[in-house]
Amino acid sequence: MQASSNVSTLVFPRKPHIKTSHIRPPISTRSFDWSAVDDSTYDGPGSPIGHGATEREAIDDLLEQLLERSDTGIGTGIAMDIGQ
């Protein structure tokens, strides 16, 4: 019997250099407490920024945005295992 895994594999042309920040803005929702950016491609407004109540949620949000961006060339290359 094979054990099930909670690991997803995402494929990138290069490994993102993810930088996270714990912000806790003065708002009632905690959905924006953490932010995440790909430090190797972030260049200000318009760049993808992941947000979440936890660091993991912010990273997941950023990775989803990076996968959706057609101009990044993301879709083939380095595989990253993302655990929960």
C-alpha atoms as a PDB file:
ATOM      1  CA  MET A   1       0.000   0.000   0.000  1.00  0.00           C
ATOM      2  CA  GLN A   2       1.340   3.422  -0.946  1.00  0.00           C
ATOM      3  CA  ALA A   3       1.017   6.316   1.498  1.00  0.00           C
ATOM      4  CA  SER A   4      -0.734   9.414   0.234  1.00  0.00           C
ATOM      5  CA  SER A   5       1.227  12.653   0.086  1.00  0.00           C
ATOM      6  CA  ASN A   6       0.230  16.276   0.616  1.00  0.00           C
ATOM      7  CA  VAL A   7       3.008  17.471  -1.686  1.00  0.00           C
ATOM      8  CA  SER A   8       2.390  19.263  -4.976  1.00  0.00           C
ATOM      9  CA  THR A   9       5.027  19.742  -7.657  1.00  0.00           C
ATOM     10  CA  LEU A  10       5.316  23.063  -9.460  1.00  0.00           C
ATOM     11  CA  VAL A  11       7.611  23.440 -12.459  1.00  0.00           C
ATOM     12  CA  PHE A  12       9.585  26.657 -13.044  1.00  0.00           C
ATOM     13  CA  PRO A  13      12.286  27.569 -15.601  1.00  0.00           C
ATOM     14  CA  ARG A  14      14.371  28.763 -12.654  1.00  0.00           C
ATOM     15  CA  LYS A  15      13.937  28.495  -8.912  1.00  0.00           C
ATOM     16  CA  PRO A  16      12.247  31.648  -7.566  1.00  0.00           C
ATOM     17  CA  HIS A  17      14.075  33.555  -4.814  1.00  0.00           C
ATOM     18  CA  ILE A  18      11.128  34.085  -2.482  1.00  0.00           C
ATOM     19  CA  LYS A  19      11.316  36.820   0.151  1.00  0.00           C
ATOM     20  CA  THR A  20       8.563  37.033   2.778  1.00  0.00           C
ATOM     21  CA  SER A  21       7.550  39.797   5.171  1.00  0.00           C
ATOM     22  CA  HIS A  22       5.285  39.777   8.224  1.00  0.00           C
ATOM     23  CA  ILE A  23       3.413  43.076   7.971  1.00  0.00           C
ATOM     24  CA  ARG A  24       0.232  43.012  10.128  1.00  0.00           C
ATOM     25  CA  PRO A  25      -1.399  46.073   8.557  1.00  0.00           C
ATOM     26  CA  PRO A  26      -3.897  47.997  10.732  1.00  0.00           C
ATOM     27  CA  ILE A  27      -6.988  46.400   9.186  1.00  0.00           C
ATOM     28  CA  SER A  28      -9.578  44.039  10.672  1.00  0.00           C
ATOM     29  CA  THR A  29      -8.791  41.046   8.421  1.00  0.00           C
ATOM     30  CA  ARG A  30      -5.652  38.977   8.943  1.00  0.00           C
ATOM     31  CA  SER A  31      -5.619  37.865   5.253  1.00  0.00           C
ATOM     32  CA  PHE A  32      -2.805  40.318   4.474  1.00  0.00           C
ATOM     33  CA  ASP A  33      -0.505  39.720   7.482  1.00  0.00           C
ATOM     34  CA  TRP A  34       2.160  38.100   5.268  1.00  0.00           C
ATOM     35  CA  SER A  35       3.466  39.054   1.844  1.00  0.00           C
ATOM     36  CA  ALA A  36       5.799  37.200  -0.522  1.00  0.00           C
ATOM     37  CA  VAL A  37       7.711  38.354  -3.619  1.00  0.00           C
ATOM     38  CA  ASP A  38      10.146  36.735  -6.037  1.00  0.00           C
ATOM     39  CA  ASP A  39      13.152  38.890  -5.144  1.00  0.00           C
ATOM     40  CA  SER A  40      14.931  38.034  -8.406  1.00  0.00           C
ATOM     41  CA  THR A  41      12.128  39.472 -10.589  1.00  0.00           C
ATOM     42  CA  TYR A  42      10.314  42.009  -8.369  1.00  0.00           C
ATOM     43  CA  ASP A  43      10.619  45.517  -9.821  1.00  0.00           C
ATOM     44  CA  GLY A  44       7.868  47.540  -8.115  1.00  0.00           C
ATOM     45  CA  PRO A  45       4.217  48.210  -8.987  1.00  0.00           C
ATOM     46  CA  GLY A  46       2.733  45.592 -11.279  1.00  0.00           C
ATOM     47  CA  SER A  47       5.005  42.811 -10.036  1.00  0.00           C
ATOM     48  CA  PRO A  48       3.302  39.786  -8.442  1.00  0.00           C
ATOM     49  CA  ILE A  49       2.941  39.918  -4.656  1.00  0.00           C
ATOM     50  CA  GLY A  50       1.486  37.021  -2.700  1.00  0.00           C
ATOM     51  CA  HIS A  51      -0.620  37.731   0.393  1.00  0.00           C
ATOM     52  CA  GLY A  52      -1.972  35.510   3.131  1.00  0.00           C
ATOM     53  CA  ALA A  53      -2.829  35.091   6.782  1.00  0.00           C
ATOM     54  CA  THR A  54       0.244  32.848   7.119  1.00  0.00           C
ATOM     55  CA  GLU A  55       3.654  32.798   5.471  1.00  0.00           C
ATOM     56  CA  ARG A  56       2.735  29.572   3.644  1.00  0.00           C
ATOM     57  CA  GLU A  57      -0.475  31.136   2.245  1.00  0.00           C
ATOM     58  CA  ALA A  58       1.481  34.158   0.973  1.00  0.00           C
ATOM     59  CA  ILE A  59       4.049  31.917  -0.753  1.00  0.00           C
ATOM     60  CA  ASP A  60       1.315  29.768  -2.305  1.00  0.00           C
ATOM     61  CA  ASP A  61      -0.483  32.899  -3.554  1.00  0.00           C
ATOM     62  CA  LEU A  62       2.746  34.215  -5.104  1.00  0.00           C
ATOM     63  CA  LEU A  63       3.535  30.886  -6.800  1.00  0.00           C
ATOM     64  CA  GLU A  64       0.016  30.745  -8.249  1.00  0.00           C
ATOM     65  CA  GLN A  65       0.434  34.268  -9.667  1.00  0.00           C
ATOM     66  CA  LEU A  66       3.848  33.420 -11.125  1.00  0.00           C
ATOM     67  CA  LEU A  67       2.397  30.352 -12.843  1.00  0.00           C
ATOM     68  CA  GLU A  68      -0.359  32.482 -14.379  1.00  0.00           C
ATOM     69  CA  ARG A  69       2.027  35.100 -15.822  1.00  0.00           C
ATOM     70  CA  SER A  70       2.766  34.286 -19.418  1.00  0.00           C
ATOM     71  CA  ASP A  71       5.667  36.760 -19.684  1.00  0.00           C
ATOM     72  CA  THR A  72       7.734  34.936 -17.038  1.00  0.00           C
ATOM     73  CA  GLY A  73       8.128  31.831 -19.177  1.00  0.00           C
ATOM     74  CA  ILE A  74       7.081  29.717 -16.209  1.00  0.00           C
ATOM     75  CA  GLY A  75       5.842  26.280 -17.125  1.00  0.00           C
ATOM     76  CA  THR A  76       8.895  24.111 -17.723  1.00  0.00           C
ATOM     77  CA  GLY A  77      12.185  23.674 -15.932  1.00  0.00           C
ATOM     78  CA  ILE A  78      12.936  23.262 -12.214  1.00  0.00           C
ATOM     79  CA  ALA A  79      10.433  21.230 -10.186  1.00  0.00           C
ATOM     80  CA  MET A  80       9.676  22.413  -6.657  1.00  0.00           C
ATOM     81  CA  ASP A  81       7.869  20.234  -4.105  1.00  0.00           C
ATOM     82  CA  ILE A  82       5.496  22.299  -2.020  1.00  0.00           C
ATOM     83  CA  GLY A  83       4.486  20.660   1.285  1.00  0.00           C
ATOM     84  CA  GLN A  84       1.750  21.782   3.615  1.00  0.00           C
END
